[in-house]
């Protein structure tokens, strides 16, 4: 996941299960490290994405589907409405908000 994200203090992640937003690359990275440690398999896709781009900012809205298999073998599936915000930096589109 690291190459997909901007690595600065403006990066933000909000999830339905969170009580507060995670702000900054260090906080967002920590959540992804925990997710990959806790699960032996992770698959994420988006149904019917709607993509918009203006200058160096793009956003995608759709239903994100996650399939995870815990180390214990338990399977967890979820579907949530998601907005992903990208910023074009040095000709690369990077995630900045999720």
PDB file of N, CA and C in Angstrom:
ATOM      1  N   UNK A   1       0.811  -1.200   0.000  1.00  0.00           N
ATOM      2  CA  UNK A   1       0.000   0.000   0.000  1.00  0.00           C
ATOM      3  C   UNK A   1       0.855   1.266   0.000  1.00  0.00           C
ATOM      4  N   UNK A   2       2.042   1.180   0.529  1.00  0.00           N
ATOM      5  CA  UNK A   2       2.860   2.392   0.668  1.00  0.00           C
ATOM      6  C   UNK A   2       3.065   3.171  -0.626  1.00  0.00           C
ATOM      7  N   UNK A   3       3.329   2.517  -1.769  1.00  0.00           N
ATOM      8  CA  UNK A   3       3.552   3.302  -2.997  1.00  0.00           C
ATOM      9  C   UNK A   3       2.312   4.044  -3.487  1.00  0.00           C
ATOM     10  N   UNK A   4       1.124   3.670  -3.013  1.00  0.00           N
ATOM     11  CA  UNK A   4      -0.113   4.299  -3.465  1.00  0.00           C
ATOM     12  C   UNK A   4      -0.435   5.599  -2.735  1.00  0.00           C
ATOM     13  N   UNK A   5       0.176   5.798  -1.584  1.00  0.00           N
ATOM     14  CA  UNK A   5      -0.182   6.917  -0.715  1.00  0.00           C
ATOM     15  C   UNK A   5       0.847   8.039  -0.753  1.00  0.00           C
ATOM     16  N   UNK A   6       0.364   9.269  -0.593  1.00  0.00           N
ATOM     17  CA  UNK A   6       1.254  10.394  -0.312  1.00  0.00           C
ATOM     18  C   UNK A   6       1.785  10.179   1.113  1.00  0.00           C
ATOM     19  N   UNK A   7       2.998  10.582   1.372  1.00  0.00           N
ATOM     20  CA  UNK A   7       3.605  10.360   2.691  1.00  0.00           C
ATOM     21  C   UNK A   7       3.829  11.699   3.382  1.00  0.00           C
ATOM     22  N   UNK A   8       2.731  12.328   3.788  1.00  0.00           N
ATOM     23  CA  UNK A   8       2.878  13.613   4.475  1.00  0.00           C
ATOM     24  C   UNK A   8       1.786  13.791   5.524  1.00  0.00           C
ATOM     25  N   UNK A   9       1.776  14.946   6.181  1.00  0.00           N
ATOM     26  CA  UNK A   9       0.847  15.201   7.276  1.00  0.00           C
ATOM     27  C   UNK A   9      -0.572  15.519   6.815  1.00  0.00           C
ATOM     28  N   UNK A  10      -0.789  15.713   5.508  1.00  0.00           N
ATOM     29  CA  UNK A  10      -2.138  16.008   5.004  1.00  0.00           C
ATOM     30  C   UNK A  10      -2.955  14.756   4.724  1.00  0.00           C
ATOM     31  N   UNK A  11      -2.324  13.601   4.679  1.00  0.00           N
ATOM     32  CA  UNK A  11      -3.016  12.348   4.414  1.00  0.00           C
ATOM     33  C   UNK A  11      -4.047  12.111   5.522  1.00  0.00           C
ATOM     34  N   UNK A  12      -5.248  11.704   5.103  1.00  0.00           N
ATOM     35  CA  UNK A  12      -6.327  11.500   6.067  1.00  0.00           C
ATOM     36  C   UNK A  12      -7.089  10.229   5.718  1.00  0.00           C
ATOM     37  N   UNK A  13      -7.475   9.476   6.750  1.00  0.00           N
ATOM     38  CA  UNK A  13      -8.291   8.276   6.536  1.00  0.00           C
ATOM     39  C   UNK A  13      -9.460   8.288   7.510  1.00  0.00           C
ATOM     40  N   UNK A  14     -10.660   8.070   6.959  1.00  0.00           N
ATOM     41  CA  UNK A  14     -11.873   7.981   7.769  1.00  0.00           C
ATOM     42  C   UNK A  14     -12.565   6.685   7.391  1.00  0.00           C
ATOM     43  N   UNK A  15     -12.961   5.926   8.368  1.00  0.00           N
ATOM     44  CA  UNK A  15     -13.666   4.668   8.141  1.00  0.00           C
ATOM     45  C   UNK A  15     -14.926   4.651   8.998  1.00  0.00           C
ATOM     46  N   UNK A  16     -15.974   3.922   8.577  1.00  0.00           N
ATOM     47  CA  UNK A  16     -17.213   3.871   9.362  1.00  0.00           C
ATOM     48  C   UNK A  16     -17.002   3.392  10.799  1.00  0.00           C
ATOM     49  N   UNK A  17     -16.037   2.526  11.015  1.00  0.00           N
ATOM     50  CA  UNK A  17     -15.810   1.991  12.365  1.00  0.00           C
ATOM     51  C   UNK A  17     -14.925   2.889  13.237  1.00  0.00           C
ATOM     52  N   UNK A  18     -14.306   3.909  12.658  1.00  0.00           N
ATOM     53  CA  UNK A  18     -13.426   4.793  13.420  1.00  0.00           C
ATOM     54  C   UNK A  18     -14.244   5.797  14.238  1.00  0.00           C
ATOM     55  N   UNK A  19     -13.723   6.164  15.386  1.00  0.00           N
ATOM     56  CA  UNK A  19     -14.344   7.205  16.204  1.00  0.00           C
ATOM     57  C   UNK A  19     -13.795   8.589  15.860  1.00  0.00           C
ATOM     58  N   UNK A  20     -12.677   8.622  15.149  1.00  0.00           N
ATOM     59  CA  UNK A  20     -12.046   9.879  14.747  1.00  0.00           C
ATOM     60  C   UNK A  20     -11.260   9.642  13.455  1.00  0.00           C
ATOM     61  N   UNK A  21     -10.921  10.702  12.773  1.00  0.00           N
ATOM     62  CA  UNK A  21     -10.129  10.589  11.547  1.00  0.00           C
ATOM     63  C   UNK A  21      -8.664  10.334  11.891  1.00  0.00           C
ATOM     64  N   UNK A  22      -7.998   9.542  11.068  1.00  0.00           N
ATOM     65  CA  UNK A  22      -6.555   9.383  11.185  1.00  0.00           C
ATOM     66  C   UNK A  22      -5.928  10.442  10.295  1.00  0.00           C
ATOM     67  N   UNK A  23      -4.991  11.184  10.833  1.00  0.00           N
ATOM     68  CA  UNK A  23      -4.356  12.265  10.082  1.00  0.00           C
ATOM     69  C   UNK A  23      -2.852  12.057  10.089  1.00  0.00           C
ATOM     70  N   UNK A  24      -2.262  12.138   8.897  1.00  0.00           N
ATOM     71  CA  UNK A  24      -0.818  11.975   8.754  1.00  0.00           C
ATOM     72  C   UNK A  24      -0.460  10.579   8.283  1.00  0.00           C
ATOM     73  N   UNK A  25       0.584  10.509   7.467  1.00  0.00           N
ATOM     74  CA  UNK A  25       1.004   9.239   6.890  1.00  0.00           C
ATOM     75  C   UNK A  25       1.329   8.206   7.954  1.00  0.00           C
ATOM     76  N   UNK A  26       1.974   8.596   9.049  1.00  0.00           N
ATOM     77  CA  UNK A  26       2.352   7.622  10.080  1.00  0.00           C
ATOM     78  C   UNK A  26       1.125   6.913  10.652  1.00  0.00           C
ATOM     79  N   UNK A  27       0.054   7.656  10.920  1.00  0.00           N
ATOM     80  CA  UNK A  27      -1.170   7.062  11.476  1.00  0.00           C
ATOM     81  C   UNK A  27      -1.848   6.151  10.458  1.00  0.00           C
ATOM     82  N   UNK A  28      -1.905   6.576   9.207  1.00  0.00           N
ATOM     83  CA  UNK A  28      -2.534   5.767   8.161  1.00  0.00           C
ATOM     84  C   UNK A  28      -1.720   4.506   7.907  1.00  0.00           C
ATOM     85  N   UNK A  29      -0.417   4.639   7.848  1.00  0.00           N
ATOM     86  CA  UNK A  29       0.449   3.471   7.634  1.00  0.00           C
ATOM     87  C   UNK A  29       0.260   2.446   8.747  1.00  0.00           C
ATOM     88  N   UNK A  30       0.164   2.906   9.980  1.00  0.00           N
ATOM     89  CA  UNK A  30      -0.001   2.006  11.124  1.00  0.00           C
ATOM     90  C   UNK A  30      -1.260   1.144  10.964  1.00  0.00           C
ATOM     91  N   UNK A  31      -2.362   1.739  10.507  1.00  0.00           N
ATOM     92  CA  UNK A  31      -3.607   0.998  10.302  1.00  0.00           C
ATOM     93  C   UNK A  31      -3.431  -0.089   9.235  1.00  0.00           C
ATOM     94  N   UNK A  32      -2.725   0.247   8.134  1.00  0.00           N
ATOM     95  CA  UNK A  32      -2.503  -0.749   7.081  1.00  0.00           C
ATOM     96  C   UNK A  32      -1.588  -1.867   7.556  1.00  0.00           C
ATOM     97  N   UNK A  33      -0.554  -1.535   8.322  1.00  0.00           N
ATOM     98  CA  UNK A  33       0.341  -2.575   8.864  1.00  0.00           C
ATOM     99  C   UNK A  33      -0.462  -3.522   9.749  1.00  0.00           C
ATOM    100  N   UNK A  34      -1.334  -2.965  10.594  1.00  0.00           N
ATOM    101  CA  UNK A  34      -2.164  -3.799  11.467  1.00  0.00           C
ATOM    102  C   UNK A  34      -3.099  -4.690  10.642  1.00  0.00           C
ATOM    103  N   UNK A  35      -3.681  -4.138   9.581  1.00  0.00           N
ATOM    104  CA  UNK A  35      -4.605  -4.912   8.747  1.00  0.00           C
ATOM    105  C   UNK A  35      -3.891  -6.088   8.084  1.00  0.00           C
ATOM    106  N   UNK A  36      -2.694  -5.847   7.565  1.00  0.00           N
ATOM    107  CA  UNK A  36      -1.961  -6.923   6.893  1.00  0.00           C
ATOM    108  C   UNK A  36      -1.373  -7.922   7.884  1.00  0.00           C
ATOM    109  N   UNK A  37      -1.165  -7.511   9.123  1.00  0.00           N
ATOM    110  CA  UNK A  37      -0.683  -8.419  10.158  1.00  0.00           C
ATOM    111  C   UNK A  37      -1.818  -9.314  10.651  1.00  0.00           C
ATOM    112  N   UNK A  38      -2.998  -8.739  10.781  1.00  0.00           N
ATOM    113  CA  UNK A  38      -4.169  -9.431  11.323  1.00  0.00           C
ATOM    114  C   UNK A  38      -4.806 -10.398  10.307  1.00  0.00           C
ATOM    115  N   UNK A  39      -4.588 -10.154   9.030  1.00  0.00           N
ATOM    116  CA  UNK A  39      -5.249 -10.935   7.985  1.00  0.00           C
ATOM    117  C   UNK A  39      -4.233 -11.664   7.117  1.00  0.00           C
ATOM    118  N   UNK A  40      -4.598 -12.887   6.715  1.00  0.00           N
ATOM    119  CA  UNK A  40      -3.724 -13.637   5.814  1.00  0.00           C
ATOM    120  C   UNK A  40      -4.080 -13.358   4.358  1.00  0.00           C
ATOM    121  N   UNK A  41      -5.243 -12.754   4.134  1.00  0.00           N
ATOM    122  CA  UNK A  41      -5.697 -12.452   2.769  1.00  0.00           C
ATOM    123  C   UNK A  41      -6.550 -11.180   2.817  1.00  0.00           C
ATOM    124  N   UNK A  42      -6.294 -10.253   1.896  1.00  0.00           N
ATOM    125  CA  UNK A  42      -7.104  -9.036   1.785  1.00  0.00           C
ATOM    126  C   UNK A  42      -7.348  -8.764   0.306  1.00  0.00           C
ATOM    127  N   UNK A  43      -8.602  -8.534  -0.031  1.00  0.00           N
ATOM    128  CA  UNK A  43      -8.972  -8.177  -1.388  1.00  0.00           C
ATOM    129  C   UNK A  43      -9.951  -7.003  -1.309  1.00  0.00           C
ATOM    130  N   UNK A  44      -9.662  -5.933  -2.054  1.00  0.00           N
ATOM    131  CA  UNK A  44     -10.525  -4.751  -2.035  1.00  0.00           C
ATOM    132  C   UNK A  44     -10.862  -4.384  -3.475  1.00  0.00           C
ATOM    133  N   UNK A  45     -12.138  -4.139  -3.724  1.00  0.00           N
ATOM    134  CA  UNK A  45     -12.583  -3.719  -5.054  1.00  0.00           C
ATOM    135  C   UNK A  45     -13.667  -2.658  -4.882  1.00  0.00           C
ATOM    136  N   UNK A  46     -13.999  -1.971  -5.981  1.00  0.00           N
ATOM    137  CA  UNK A  46     -15.045  -0.953  -5.918  1.00  0.00           C
ATOM    138  C   UNK A  46     -16.066  -1.203  -7.013  1.00  0.00           C
ATOM    139  N   UNK A  47     -17.328  -1.266  -6.616  1.00  0.00           N
ATOM    140  CA  UNK A  47     -18.436  -1.429  -7.556  1.00  0.00           C
ATOM    141  C   UNK A  47     -18.859  -0.079  -8.109  1.00  0.00           C
ATOM    142  N   UNK A  48     -19.119  -0.025  -9.392  1.00  0.00           N
ATOM    143  CA  UNK A  48     -19.688   1.154 -10.072  1.00  0.00           C
ATOM    144  C   UNK A  48     -19.003   2.461  -9.665  1.00  0.00           C
ATOM    145  N   UNK A  49     -17.684   2.536  -9.790  1.00  0.00           N
ATOM    146  CA  UNK A  49     -17.002   3.772  -9.392  1.00  0.00           C
ATOM    147  C   UNK A  49     -17.393   4.947 -10.288  1.00  0.00           C
ATOM    148  N   UNK A  50     -17.530   6.104  -9.670  1.00  0.00           N
ATOM    149  CA  UNK A  50     -17.754   7.356 -10.390  1.00  0.00           C
ATOM    150  C   UNK A  50     -16.484   8.179 -10.203  1.00  0.00           C
ATOM    151  N   UNK A  51     -15.805   8.478 -11.314  1.00  0.00           N
ATOM    152  CA  UNK A  51     -14.503   9.147 -11.270  1.00  0.00           C
ATOM    153  C   UNK A  51     -14.653  10.586 -11.748  1.00  0.00           C
ATOM    154  N   UNK A  52     -14.053  11.516 -10.998  1.00  0.00           N
ATOM    155  CA  UNK A  52     -14.024  12.931 -11.385  1.00  0.00           C
ATOM    156  C   UNK A  52     -12.601  13.443 -11.238  1.00  0.00           C
ATOM    157  N   UNK A  53     -12.189  14.316 -12.164  1.00  0.00           N
ATOM    158  CA  UNK A  53     -10.844  14.882 -12.126  1.00  0.00           C
ATOM    159  C   UNK A  53     -10.925  16.368 -12.433  1.00  0.00           C
ATOM    160  N   UNK A  54     -10.248  17.167 -11.630  1.00  0.00           N
ATOM    161  CA  UNK A  54     -10.102  18.602 -11.861  1.00  0.00           C
ATOM    162  C   UNK A  54      -8.649  18.962 -11.594  1.00  0.00           C
ATOM    163  N   UNK A  55      -7.955  19.419 -12.610  1.00  0.00           N
ATOM    164  CA  UNK A  55      -6.544  19.779 -12.479  1.00  0.00           C
ATOM    165  C   UNK A  55      -5.751  18.615 -11.886  1.00  0.00           C
ATOM    166  N   UNK A  56      -5.146  18.818 -10.712  1.00  0.00           N
ATOM    167  CA  UNK A  56      -4.304  17.794 -10.096  1.00  0.00           C
ATOM    168  C   UNK A  56      -4.994  17.031  -8.976  1.00  0.00           C
ATOM    169  N   UNK A  57      -6.330  17.096  -8.931  1.00  0.00           N
ATOM    170  CA  UNK A  57      -7.079  16.373  -7.903  1.00  0.00           C
ATOM    171  C   UNK A  57      -8.120  15.494  -8.586  1.00  0.00           C
ATOM    172  N   UNK A  58      -8.228  14.259  -8.134  1.00  0.00           N
ATOM    173  CA  UNK A  58      -9.232  13.341  -8.645  1.00  0.00           C
ATOM    174  C   UNK A  58      -9.893  12.638  -7.475  1.00  0.00           C
ATOM    175  N   UNK A  59     -11.147  12.246  -7.659  1.00  0.00           N
ATOM    176  CA  UNK A  59     -11.826  11.515  -6.618  1.00  0.00           C
ATOM    177  C   UNK A  59     -12.693  10.438  -7.237  1.00  0.00           C
ATOM    178  N   UNK A  60     -12.848   9.373  -6.476  1.00  0.00           N
ATOM    179  CA  UNK A  60     -13.621   8.218  -6.910  1.00  0.00           C
ATOM    180  C   UNK A  60     -14.624   7.909  -5.807  1.00  0.00           C
ATOM    181  N   UNK A  61     -15.884   7.763  -6.199  1.00  0.00           N
ATOM    182  CA  UNK A  61     -16.941   7.428  -5.248  1.00  0.00           C
ATOM    183  C   UNK A  61     -17.579   6.123  -5.704  1.00  0.00           C
ATOM    184  N   UNK A  62     -17.812   5.215  -4.775  1.00  0.00           N
ATOM    185  CA  UNK A  62     -18.458   3.952  -5.111  1.00  0.00           C
ATOM    186  C   UNK A  62     -18.611   3.078  -3.884  1.00  0.00           C
ATOM    187  N   UNK A  63     -19.125   1.893  -4.098  1.00  0.00           N
ATOM    188  CA  UNK A  63     -19.258   0.920  -3.011  1.00  0.00           C
ATOM    189  C   UNK A  63     -17.987   0.074  -2.977  1.00  0.00           C
ATOM    190  N   UNK A  64     -17.246   0.211  -1.900  1.00  0.00           N
ATOM    191  CA  UNK A  64     -16.013  -0.559  -1.736  1.00  0.00           C
ATOM    192  C   UNK A  64     -16.338  -1.876  -1.052  1.00  0.00           C
ATOM    193  N   UNK A  65     -15.887  -2.937  -1.667  1.00  0.00           N
ATOM    194  CA  UNK A  65     -16.086  -4.272  -1.105  1.00  0.00           C
ATOM    195  C   UNK A  65     -14.735  -4.812  -0.629  1.00  0.00           C
ATOM    196  N   UNK A  66     -14.719  -5.250   0.609  1.00  0.00           N
ATOM    197  CA  UNK A  66     -13.499  -5.825   1.181  1.00  0.00           C
ATOM    198  C   UNK A  66     -13.763  -7.279   1.566  1.00  0.00           C
ATOM    199  N   UNK A  67     -12.822  -8.118   1.250  1.00  0.00           N
ATOM    200  CA  UNK A  67     -12.854  -9.533   1.635  1.00  0.00           C
ATOM    201  C   UNK A  67     -11.545  -9.805   2.367  1.00  0.00           C
ATOM    202  N   UNK A  68     -11.679 -10.252   3.605  1.00  0.00           N
ATOM    203  CA  UNK A  68     -10.490 -10.517   4.410  1.00  0.00           C
ATOM    204  C   UNK A  68     -10.601 -11.890   5.056  1.00  0.00           C
ATOM    205  N   UNK A  69      -9.478 -12.559   5.116  1.00  0.00           N
ATOM    206  CA  UNK A  69      -9.410 -13.832   5.831  1.00  0.00           C
ATOM    207  C   UNK A  69      -8.427 -13.624   6.974  1.00  0.00           C
ATOM    208  N   UNK A  70      -8.939 -13.774   8.178  1.00  0.00           N
ATOM    209  CA  UNK A  70      -8.107 -13.627   9.365  1.00  0.00           C
ATOM    210  C   UNK A  70      -7.128 -14.796   9.450  1.00  0.00           C
ATOM    211  N   UNK A  71      -6.097 -14.613  10.230  1.00  0.00           N
ATOM    212  CA  UNK A  71      -5.120 -15.684  10.445  1.00  0.00           C
ATOM    213  C   UNK A  71      -5.801 -16.924  11.022  1.00  0.00           C
ATOM    214  N   UNK A  72      -6.888 -16.725  11.783  1.00  0.00           N
ATOM    215  CA  UNK A  72      -7.642 -17.833  12.382  1.00  0.00           C
ATOM    216  C   UNK A  72      -8.480 -18.599  11.359  1.00  0.00           C
ATOM    217  N   UNK A  73      -8.627 -18.038  10.143  1.00  0.00           N
ATOM    218  CA  UNK A  73      -9.450 -18.660   9.119  1.00  0.00           C
ATOM    219  C   UNK A  73     -10.804 -17.990   8.965  1.00  0.00           C
ATOM    220  N   UNK A  74     -11.201 -17.172   9.934  1.00  0.00           N
ATOM    221  CA  UNK A  74     -12.478 -16.452   9.857  1.00  0.00           C
ATOM    222  C   UNK A  74     -12.477 -15.534   8.634  1.00  0.00           C
ATOM    223  N   UNK A  75     -13.597 -15.496   7.927  1.00  0.00           N
ATOM    224  CA  UNK A  75     -13.745 -14.642   6.758  1.00  0.00           C
ATOM    225  C   UNK A  75     -14.613 -13.441   7.133  1.00  0.00           C
ATOM    226  N   UNK A  76     -14.163 -12.249   6.737  1.00  0.00           N
ATOM    227  CA  UNK A  76     -14.898 -11.015   6.999  1.00  0.00           C
ATOM    228  C   UNK A  76     -15.119 -10.316   5.669  1.00  0.00           C
ATOM    229  N   UNK A  77     -16.374 -10.054   5.338  1.00  0.00           N
ATOM    230  CA  UNK A  77     -16.729  -9.328   4.128  1.00  0.00           C
ATOM    231  C   UNK A  77     -17.466  -8.058   4.519  1.00  0.00           C
ATOM    232  N   UNK A  78     -17.203  -6.983   3.793  1.00  0.00           N
ATOM    233  CA  UNK A  78     -17.906  -5.733   4.069  1.00  0.00           C
ATOM    234  C   UNK A  78     -18.136  -4.979   2.767  1.00  0.00           C
ATOM    235  N   UNK A  79     -19.119  -4.086   2.803  1.00  0.00           N
ATOM    236  CA  UNK A  79     -19.409  -3.205   1.675  1.00  0.00           C
ATOM    237  C   UNK A  79     -19.786  -1.842   2.251  1.00  0.00           C
ATOM    238  N   UNK A  80     -19.033  -0.805   1.878  1.00  0.00           N
ATOM    239  CA  UNK A  80     -19.298   0.544   2.394  1.00  0.00           C
ATOM    240  C   UNK A  80     -19.166   1.562   1.277  1.00  0.00           C
ATOM    241  N   UNK A  81     -19.966   2.615   1.364  1.00  0.00           N
ATOM    242  CA  UNK A  81     -19.837   3.732   0.436  1.00  0.00           C
ATOM    243  C   UNK A  81     -18.527   4.432   0.743  1.00  0.00           C
ATOM    244  N   UNK A  82     -17.704   4.636  -0.277  1.00  0.00           N
ATOM    245  CA  UNK A  82     -16.357   5.154  -0.076  1.00  0.00           C
ATOM    246  C   UNK A  82     -16.057   6.280  -1.051  1.00  0.00           C
ATOM    247  N   UNK A  83     -15.311   7.257  -0.573  1.00  0.00           N
ATOM    248  CA  UNK A  83     -14.751   8.298  -1.428  1.00  0.00           C
ATOM    249  C   UNK A  83     -13.241   8.257  -1.270  1.00  0.00           C
ATOM    250  N   UNK A  84     -12.545   8.166  -2.380  1.00  0.00           N
ATOM    251  CA  UNK A  84     -11.073   8.202  -2.362  1.00  0.00           C
ATOM    252  C   UNK A  84     -10.641   9.464  -3.097  1.00  0.00           C
ATOM    253  N   UNK A  85      -9.733  10.198  -2.488  1.00  0.00           N
ATOM    254  CA  UNK A  85      -9.245  11.442  -3.089  1.00  0.00           C
ATOM    255  C   UNK A  85      -7.773  11.250  -3.441  1.00  0.00           C
ATOM    256  N   UNK A  86      -7.440  11.569  -4.693  1.00  0.00           N
ATOM    257  CA  UNK A  86      -6.086  11.441  -5.200  1.00  0.00           C
ATOM    258  C   UNK A  86      -5.537  12.814  -5.556  1.00  0.00           C
ATOM    259  N   UNK A  87      -4.224  12.953  -5.443  1.00  0.00           N
ATOM    260  CA  UNK A  87      -3.542  14.180  -5.871  1.00  0.00           C
ATOM    261  C   UNK A  87      -2.414  13.783  -6.817  1.00  0.00           C
ATOM    262  N   UNK A  88      -2.311  14.483  -7.922  1.00  0.00           N
ATOM    263  CA  UNK A  88      -1.240  14.211  -8.876  1.00  0.00           C
ATOM    264  C   UNK A  88       0.013  14.949  -8.431  1.00  0.00           C
ATOM    265  N   UNK A  89       1.057  14.181  -8.166  1.00  0.00           N
ATOM    266  CA  UNK A  89       2.340  14.732  -7.730  1.00  0.00           C
ATOM    267  C   UNK A  89       3.442  14.120  -8.585  1.00  0.00           C
ATOM    268  N   UNK A  90       4.226  14.969  -9.220  1.00  0.00           N
ATOM    269  CA  UNK A  90       5.332  14.484 -10.051  1.00  0.00           C
ATOM    270  C   UNK A  90       4.861  13.408 -11.027  1.00  0.00           C
ATOM    271  N   UNK A  91       3.746  13.642 -11.686  1.00  0.00           N
ATOM    272  CA  UNK A  91       3.138  12.778 -12.697  1.00  0.00           C
ATOM    273  C   UNK A  91       2.601  11.449 -12.142  1.00  0.00           C
ATOM    274  N   UNK A  92       2.481  11.326 -10.825  1.00  0.00           N
ATOM    275  CA  UNK A  92       1.915  10.125 -10.195  1.00  0.00           C
ATOM    276  C   UNK A  92       0.661  10.495  -9.426  1.00  0.00           C
ATOM    277  N   UNK A  93      -0.388   9.679  -9.546  1.00  0.00           N
ATOM    278  CA  UNK A  93      -1.611   9.882  -8.773  1.00  0.00           C
ATOM    279  C   UNK A  93      -1.463   9.140  -7.450  1.00  0.00           C
ATOM    280  N   UNK A  94      -1.501   9.887  -6.336  1.00  0.00           N
ATOM    281  CA  UNK A  94      -1.334   9.305  -5.005  1.00  0.00           C
ATOM    282  C   UNK A  94      -2.584   9.515  -4.164  1.00  0.00           C
ATOM    283  N   UNK A  95      -2.900   8.526  -3.344  1.00  0.00           N
ATOM    284  CA  UNK A  95      -4.000   8.672  -2.408  1.00  0.00           C
ATOM    285  C   UNK A  95      -3.632   9.685  -1.347  1.00  0.00           C
ATOM    286  N   UNK A  96      -4.573  10.552  -1.042  1.00  0.00           N
ATOM    287  CA  UNK A  96      -4.350  11.540   0.014  1.00  0.00           C
ATOM    288  C   UNK A  96      -5.408  11.477   1.078  1.00  0.00           C
ATOM    289  N   UNK A  97      -6.614  11.066   0.683  1.00  0.00           N
ATOM    290  CA  UNK A  97      -7.695  10.948   1.654  1.00  0.00           C
ATOM    291  C   UNK A  97      -8.502   9.717   1.308  1.00  0.00           C
ATOM    292  N   UNK A  98      -8.928   9.028   2.373  1.00  0.00           N
ATOM    293  CA  UNK A  98      -9.708   7.819   2.195  1.00  0.00           C
ATOM    294  C   UNK A  98     -10.698   7.709   3.312  1.00  0.00           C
TER     295      UNK A  98
END
